[in-house]
């Protein structure tokens, strides 16, 4: 097709949820979703987790023992 030009939708290209187009640094050890380059995360003894309350809470609950003081 002569004169045909592909126009990319800027709302879709570079979407951070599209791992094919984005640079993935690692997977979150809490939720299992991808952590993208440029996204804030926490490094807990080599485990990378999203810097989000839900991921932090889930990770702490899975990697610690809940106790009651005095028992």
PDB file of N, CA and C in Angstrom:
ATOM      1  N   UNK A   1       0.844  -1.180   0.000  1.00  0.00           N
ATOM      2  CA  UNK A   1       0.000   0.000   0.000  1.00  0.00           C
ATOM      3  C   UNK A   1       0.886   1.238   0.000  1.00  0.00           C
ATOM      4  N   UNK A   2       0.905   1.871  -1.054  1.00  0.00           N
ATOM      5  CA  UNK A   2       1.724   3.055  -1.175  1.00  0.00           C
ATOM      6  C   UNK A   2       1.061   4.217  -0.448  1.00  0.00           C
ATOM      7  N   UNK A   3       1.833   4.973   0.287  1.00  0.00           N
ATOM      8  CA  UNK A   3       1.307   6.115   1.020  1.00  0.00           C
ATOM      9  C   UNK A   3       0.663   5.737   2.345  1.00  0.00           C
ATOM     10  N   UNK A   4       0.739   4.454   2.699  1.00  0.00           N
ATOM     11  CA  UNK A   4       0.148   3.986   3.954  1.00  0.00           C
ATOM     12  C   UNK A   4       1.089   4.299   5.104  1.00  0.00           C
ATOM     13  N   UNK A   5       0.587   4.862   6.154  1.00  0.00           N
ATOM     14  CA  UNK A   5       1.406   5.218   7.302  1.00  0.00           C
ATOM     15  C   UNK A   5       0.746   4.686   8.565  1.00  0.00           C
ATOM     16  N   UNK A   6       1.519   4.029   9.409  1.00  0.00           N
ATOM     17  CA  UNK A   6       0.999   3.521  10.667  1.00  0.00           C
ATOM     18  C   UNK A   6       1.032   4.658  11.685  1.00  0.00           C
ATOM     19  N   UNK A   7      -0.103   4.876  12.316  1.00  0.00           N
ATOM     20  CA  UNK A   7      -0.204   5.891  13.355  1.00  0.00           C
ATOM     21  C   UNK A   7      -0.391   5.160  14.675  1.00  0.00           C
ATOM     22  N   UNK A   8       0.507   5.392  15.618  1.00  0.00           N
ATOM     23  CA  UNK A   8       0.446   4.723  16.907  1.00  0.00           C
ATOM     24  C   UNK A   8      -0.403   5.532  17.875  1.00  0.00           C
ATOM     25  N   UNK A   9      -1.220   4.856  18.611  1.00  0.00           N
ATOM     26  CA  UNK A   9      -2.054   5.482  19.621  1.00  0.00           C
ATOM     27  C   UNK A   9      -1.208   5.738  20.860  1.00  0.00           C
ATOM     28  N   UNK A  10      -0.973   6.981  21.182  1.00  0.00           N
ATOM     29  CA  UNK A  10      -0.115   7.316  22.334  1.00  0.00           C
ATOM     30  C   UNK A  10      -0.745   6.905  23.657  1.00  0.00           C
ATOM     31  N   UNK A  11      -2.029   6.633  23.674  1.00  0.00           N
ATOM     32  CA  UNK A  11      -2.684   6.170  24.897  1.00  0.00           C
ATOM     33  C   UNK A  11      -2.377   4.693  25.152  1.00  0.00           C
ATOM     34  N   UNK A  12      -1.927   3.982  24.125  1.00  0.00           N
ATOM     35  CA  UNK A  12      -1.664   2.550  24.249  1.00  0.00           C
ATOM     36  C   UNK A  12      -0.176   2.249  24.219  1.00  0.00           C
ATOM     37  N   UNK A  13       0.577   2.899  23.346  1.00  0.00           N
ATOM     38  CA  UNK A  13       2.007   2.646  23.227  1.00  0.00           C
ATOM     39  C   UNK A  13       2.705   3.109  24.499  1.00  0.00           C
ATOM     40  N   UNK A  14       3.507   2.225  25.067  1.00  0.00           N
ATOM     41  CA  UNK A  14       4.227   2.557  26.286  1.00  0.00           C
ATOM     42  C   UNK A  14       3.397   2.364  27.537  1.00  0.00           C
ATOM     43  N   UNK A  15       2.234   1.759  27.392  1.00  0.00           N
ATOM     44  CA  UNK A  15       1.397   1.456  28.554  1.00  0.00           C
ATOM     45  C   UNK A  15       2.204   0.581  29.498  1.00  0.00           C
ATOM     46  N   UNK A  16       2.355   0.995  30.753  1.00  0.00           N
ATOM     47  CA  UNK A  16       3.201   0.248  31.678  1.00  0.00           C
ATOM     48  C   UNK A  16       2.656  -1.139  31.985  1.00  0.00           C
ATOM     49  N   UNK A  17       1.387  -1.385  31.675  1.00  0.00           N
ATOM     50  CA  UNK A  17       0.812  -2.705  31.893  1.00  0.00           C
ATOM     51  C   UNK A  17       1.145  -3.666  30.753  1.00  0.00           C
ATOM     52  N   UNK A  18       1.692  -3.161  29.665  1.00  0.00           N
ATOM     53  CA  UNK A  18       2.029  -3.980  28.510  1.00  0.00           C
ATOM     54  C   UNK A  18       3.502  -4.375  28.590  1.00  0.00           C
ATOM     55  N   UNK A  19       3.772  -5.542  29.152  1.00  0.00           N
ATOM     56  CA  UNK A  19       5.157  -5.947  29.391  1.00  0.00           C
ATOM     57  C   UNK A  19       5.940  -6.180  28.105  1.00  0.00           C
ATOM     58  N   UNK A  20       5.269  -6.340  26.980  1.00  0.00           N
ATOM     59  CA  UNK A  20       5.971  -6.521  25.717  1.00  0.00           C
ATOM     60  C   UNK A  20       6.690  -5.226  25.337  1.00  0.00           C
ATOM     61  N   UNK A  21       6.063  -4.092  25.609  1.00  0.00           N
ATOM     62  CA  UNK A  21       6.632  -2.806  25.232  1.00  0.00           C
ATOM     63  C   UNK A  21       7.432  -2.159  26.363  1.00  0.00           C
ATOM     64  N   UNK A  22       7.250  -2.623  27.582  1.00  0.00           N
ATOM     65  CA  UNK A  22       7.899  -2.002  28.731  1.00  0.00           C
ATOM     66  C   UNK A  22       9.110  -2.815  29.167  1.00  0.00           C
ATOM     67  N   UNK A  23       9.976  -2.158  29.890  1.00  0.00           N
ATOM     68  CA  UNK A  23      11.120  -2.835  30.468  1.00  0.00           C
ATOM     69  C   UNK A  23      10.749  -3.313  31.864  1.00  0.00           C
ATOM     70  N   UNK A  24      10.738  -4.620  32.039  1.00  0.00           N
ATOM     71  CA  UNK A  24      10.398  -5.215  33.322  1.00  0.00           C
ATOM     72  C   UNK A  24      11.682  -5.461  34.086  1.00  0.00           C
ATOM     73  N   UNK A  25      11.743  -4.971  35.321  1.00  0.00           N
ATOM     74  CA  UNK A  25      12.914  -5.176  36.153  1.00  0.00           C
ATOM     75  C   UNK A  25      12.853  -6.528  36.855  1.00  0.00           C
ATOM     76  N   UNK A  26      11.691  -6.857  37.404  1.00  0.00           N
ATOM     77  CA  UNK A  26      11.533  -8.080  38.179  1.00  0.00           C
ATOM     78  C   UNK A  26      10.046  -8.316  38.425  1.00  0.00           C
ATOM     79  N   UNK A  27       9.745  -9.422  39.085  1.00  0.00           N
ATOM     80  CA  UNK A  27       8.381  -9.681  39.533  1.00  0.00           C
ATOM     81  C   UNK A  27       8.297  -9.421  41.027  1.00  0.00           C
ATOM     82  N   UNK A  28       7.180  -8.894  41.474  1.00  0.00           N
ATOM     83  CA  UNK A  28       6.947  -8.626  42.887  1.00  0.00           C
ATOM     84  C   UNK A  28       6.816  -9.952  43.628  1.00  0.00           C
ATOM     85  N   UNK A  29       7.581 -10.117  44.700  1.00  0.00           N
ATOM     86  CA  UNK A  29       7.540 -11.351  45.482  1.00  0.00           C
ATOM     87  C   UNK A  29       6.298 -11.430  46.351  1.00  0.00           C
ATOM     88  N   UNK A  30       5.492 -10.397  46.346  1.00  0.00           N
ATOM     89  CA  UNK A  30       4.253 -10.393  47.119  1.00  0.00           C
ATOM     90  C   UNK A  30       3.059 -10.732  46.237  1.00  0.00           C
ATOM     91  N   UNK A  31       2.817  -9.925  45.213  1.00  0.00           N
ATOM     92  CA  UNK A  31       1.626 -10.115  44.371  1.00  0.00           C
ATOM     93  C   UNK A  31       1.922 -10.881  43.088  1.00  0.00           C
ATOM     94  N   UNK A  32       3.211 -10.984  42.709  1.00  0.00           N
ATOM     95  CA  UNK A  32       3.579 -11.723  41.511  1.00  0.00           C
ATOM     96  C   UNK A  32       3.523 -10.918  40.224  1.00  0.00           C
ATOM     97  N   UNK A  33       3.047  -9.678  40.296  1.00  0.00           N
ATOM     98  CA  UNK A  33       2.968  -8.846  39.092  1.00  0.00           C
ATOM     99  C   UNK A  33       4.329  -8.224  38.800  1.00  0.00           C
ATOM    100  N   UNK A  34       4.459  -7.691  37.607  1.00  0.00           N
ATOM    101  CA  UNK A  34       5.735  -7.143  37.160  1.00  0.00           C
ATOM    102  C   UNK A  34       6.045  -5.795  37.808  1.00  0.00           C
ATOM    103  N   UNK A  35       7.335  -5.578  38.078  1.00  0.00           N
ATOM    104  CA  UNK A  35       7.832  -4.286  38.534  1.00  0.00           C
ATOM    105  C   UNK A  35       8.594  -3.700  37.347  1.00  0.00           C
ATOM    106  N   UNK A  36       8.171  -2.527  36.908  1.00  0.00           N
ATOM    107  CA  UNK A  36       8.738  -1.908  35.715  1.00  0.00           C
ATOM    108  C   UNK A  36       9.849  -0.922  36.074  1.00  0.00           C
ATOM    109  N   UNK A  37      10.815  -0.782  35.183  1.00  0.00           N
ATOM    110  CA  UNK A  37      11.894   0.181  35.361  1.00  0.00           C
ATOM    111  C   UNK A  37      11.268   1.564  35.529  1.00  0.00           C
ATOM    112  N   UNK A  38      11.703   2.282  36.557  1.00  0.00           N
ATOM    113  CA  UNK A  38      11.171   3.603  36.860  1.00  0.00           C
ATOM    114  C   UNK A  38      10.094   3.568  37.937  1.00  0.00           C
ATOM    115  N   UNK A  39       9.606   2.386  38.257  1.00  0.00           N
ATOM    116  CA  UNK A  39       8.573   2.235  39.285  1.00  0.00           C
ATOM    117  C   UNK A  39       9.246   2.069  40.655  1.00  0.00           C
ATOM    118  N   UNK A  40       8.671   2.660  41.690  1.00  0.00           N
ATOM    119  CA  UNK A  40       9.231   2.521  43.026  1.00  0.00           C
ATOM    120  C   UNK A  40       8.926   1.134  43.577  1.00  0.00           C
ATOM    121  N   UNK A  41       9.914   0.551  44.261  1.00  0.00           N
ATOM    122  CA  UNK A  41       9.745  -0.765  44.864  1.00  0.00           C
ATOM    123  C   UNK A  41      10.566  -0.825  46.137  1.00  0.00           C
ATOM    124  N   UNK A  42      10.381  -1.882  46.907  1.00  0.00           N
ATOM    125  CA  UNK A  42      11.164  -2.098  48.120  1.00  0.00           C
ATOM    126  C   UNK A  42      11.995  -3.360  47.951  1.00  0.00           C
ATOM    127  N   UNK A  43      13.226  -3.310  48.426  1.00  0.00           N
ATOM    128  CA  UNK A  43      14.131  -4.454  48.403  1.00  0.00           C
ATOM    129  C   UNK A  43      14.232  -4.968  49.829  1.00  0.00           C
ATOM    130  N   UNK A  44      13.650  -6.131  50.077  1.00  0.00           N
ATOM    131  CA  UNK A  44      13.688  -6.714  51.413  1.00  0.00           C
ATOM    132  C   UNK A  44      14.526  -7.984  51.324  1.00  0.00           C
ATOM    133  N   UNK A  45      15.773  -7.883  51.739  1.00  0.00           N
ATOM    134  CA  UNK A  45      16.719  -9.001  51.696  1.00  0.00           C
ATOM    135  C   UNK A  45      16.758  -9.674  50.327  1.00  0.00           C
ATOM    136  N   UNK A  46      16.750  -8.875  49.268  1.00  0.00           N
ATOM    137  CA  UNK A  46      16.833  -9.402  47.918  1.00  0.00           C
ATOM    138  C   UNK A  46      15.487  -9.715  47.278  1.00  0.00           C
ATOM    139  N   UNK A  47      14.403  -9.622  48.042  1.00  0.00           N
ATOM    140  CA  UNK A  47      13.061  -9.787  47.481  1.00  0.00           C
ATOM    141  C   UNK A  47      12.532  -8.413  47.105  1.00  0.00           C
ATOM    142  N   UNK A  48      12.110  -8.261  45.861  1.00  0.00           N
ATOM    143  CA  UNK A  48      11.579  -6.991  45.382  1.00  0.00           C
ATOM    144  C   UNK A  48      10.064  -7.017  45.472  1.00  0.00           C
ATOM    145  N   UNK A  49       9.504  -5.982  46.103  1.00  0.00           N
ATOM    146  CA  UNK A  49       8.052  -5.874  46.188  1.00  0.00           C
ATOM    147  C   UNK A  49       7.626  -4.450  45.838  1.00  0.00           C
ATOM    148  N   UNK A  50       6.404  -4.325  45.314  1.00  0.00           N
ATOM    149  CA  UNK A  50       5.869  -3.000  44.999  1.00  0.00           C
ATOM    150  C   UNK A  50       5.828  -2.138  46.255  1.00  0.00           C
ATOM    151  N   UNK A  51       6.052  -0.864  46.100  1.00  0.00           N
ATOM    152  CA  UNK A  51       5.989   0.089  47.209  1.00  0.00           C
ATOM    153  C   UNK A  51       4.532   0.521  47.381  1.00  0.00           C
ATOM    154  N   UNK A  52       3.676  -0.458  47.627  1.00  0.00           N
ATOM    155  CA  UNK A  52       2.251  -0.226  47.821  1.00  0.00           C
ATOM    156  C   UNK A  52       1.816  -0.937  49.087  1.00  0.00           C
ATOM    157  N   UNK A  53       0.907  -0.323  49.817  1.00  0.00           N
ATOM    158  CA  UNK A  53       0.464  -0.848  51.112  1.00  0.00           C
ATOM    159  C   UNK A  53       0.028  -2.306  51.027  1.00  0.00           C
ATOM    160  N   UNK A  54      -0.759  -2.664  50.024  1.00  0.00           N
ATOM    161  CA  UNK A  54      -1.248  -4.043  49.920  1.00  0.00           C
ATOM    162  C   UNK A  54      -0.114  -5.042  49.756  1.00  0.00           C
ATOM    163  N   UNK A  55       0.861  -4.727  48.915  1.00  0.00           N
ATOM    164  CA  UNK A  55       1.987  -5.636  48.705  1.00  0.00           C
ATOM    165  C   UNK A  55       2.856  -5.740  49.956  1.00  0.00           C
ATOM    166  N   UNK A  56       3.102  -4.613  50.594  1.00  0.00           N
ATOM    167  CA  UNK A  56       3.923  -4.618  51.809  1.00  0.00           C
ATOM    168  C   UNK A  56       3.242  -5.436  52.898  1.00  0.00           C
ATOM    169  N   UNK A  57       1.963  -5.204  53.105  1.00  0.00           N
ATOM    170  CA  UNK A  57       1.202  -5.926  54.140  1.00  0.00           C
ATOM    171  C   UNK A  57       1.184  -7.423  53.856  1.00  0.00           C
ATOM    172  N   UNK A  58       0.893  -7.787  52.612  1.00  0.00           N
ATOM    173  CA  UNK A  58       0.837  -9.197  52.231  1.00  0.00           C
ATOM    174  C   UNK A  58       2.194  -9.871  52.430  1.00  0.00           C
ATOM    175  N   UNK A  59       3.271  -9.175  52.073  1.00  0.00           N
ATOM    176  CA  UNK A  59       4.616  -9.731  52.209  1.00  0.00           C
ATOM    177  C   UNK A  59       4.968  -9.944  53.680  1.00  0.00           C
ATOM    178  N   UNK A  60       4.702  -8.937  54.509  1.00  0.00           N
ATOM    179  CA  UNK A  60       5.021  -9.039  55.943  1.00  0.00           C
ATOM    180  C   UNK A  60       4.233 -10.177  56.578  1.00  0.00           C
ATOM    181  N   UNK A  61       2.951 -10.277  56.253  1.00  0.00           N
ATOM    182  CA  UNK A  61       2.132 -11.348  56.827  1.00  0.00           C
ATOM    183  C   UNK A  61       2.631 -12.728  56.407  1.00  0.00           C
ATOM    184  N   UNK A  62       3.117 -12.859  55.186  1.00  0.00           N
ATOM    185  CA  UNK A  62       3.597 -14.153  54.685  1.00  0.00           C
ATOM    186  C   UNK A  62       4.983 -14.517  55.205  1.00  0.00           C
ATOM    187  N   UNK A  63       5.769 -13.505  55.613  1.00  0.00           N
ATOM    188  CA  UNK A  63       7.166 -13.777  56.000  1.00  0.00           C
ATOM    189  C   UNK A  63       7.446 -13.475  57.473  1.00  0.00           C
ATOM    190  N   UNK A  64       6.438 -13.490  58.283  1.00  0.00           N
ATOM    191  CA  UNK A  64       6.640 -13.262  59.712  1.00  0.00           C
ATOM    192  C   UNK A  64       5.668 -14.112  60.512  1.00  0.00           C
ATOM    193  N   UNK A  65       5.888 -14.178  61.803  1.00  0.00           N
ATOM    194  CA  UNK A  65       5.014 -14.936  62.698  1.00  0.00           C
ATOM    195  C   UNK A  65       4.293 -13.940  63.603  1.00  0.00           C
ATOM    196  N   UNK A  66       2.979 -14.016  63.598  1.00  0.00           N
ATOM    197  CA  UNK A  66       2.167 -13.132  64.434  1.00  0.00           C
ATOM    198  C   UNK A  66       2.107 -13.731  65.839  1.00  0.00           C
ATOM    199  N   UNK A  67       2.389 -12.911  66.845  1.00  0.00           N
ATOM    200  CA  UNK A  67       2.392 -13.377  68.236  1.00  0.00           C
ATOM    201  C   UNK A  67       1.585 -12.416  69.087  1.00  0.00           C
ATOM    202  N   UNK A  68       1.242 -12.857  70.281  1.00  0.00           N
ATOM    203  CA  UNK A  68       0.541 -12.019  71.253  1.00  0.00           C
ATOM    204  C   UNK A  68       1.506 -11.775  72.408  1.00  0.00           C
ATOM    205  N   UNK A  69       1.711 -10.526  72.760  1.00  0.00           N
ATOM    206  CA  UNK A  69       2.634 -10.188  73.848  1.00  0.00           C
ATOM    207  C   UNK A  69       2.154 -10.804  75.159  1.00  0.00           C
ATOM    208  N   UNK A  70       3.090 -11.389  75.896  1.00  0.00           N
ATOM    209  CA  UNK A  70       2.785 -11.976  77.183  1.00  0.00           C
ATOM    210  C   UNK A  70       2.379 -13.444  77.113  1.00  0.00           C
ATOM    211  N   UNK A  71       2.270 -13.986  75.926  1.00  0.00           N
ATOM    212  CA  UNK A  71       1.893 -15.408  75.794  1.00  0.00           C
ATOM    213  C   UNK A  71       3.061 -16.241  75.332  1.00  0.00           C
TER     214      UNK A  71
END
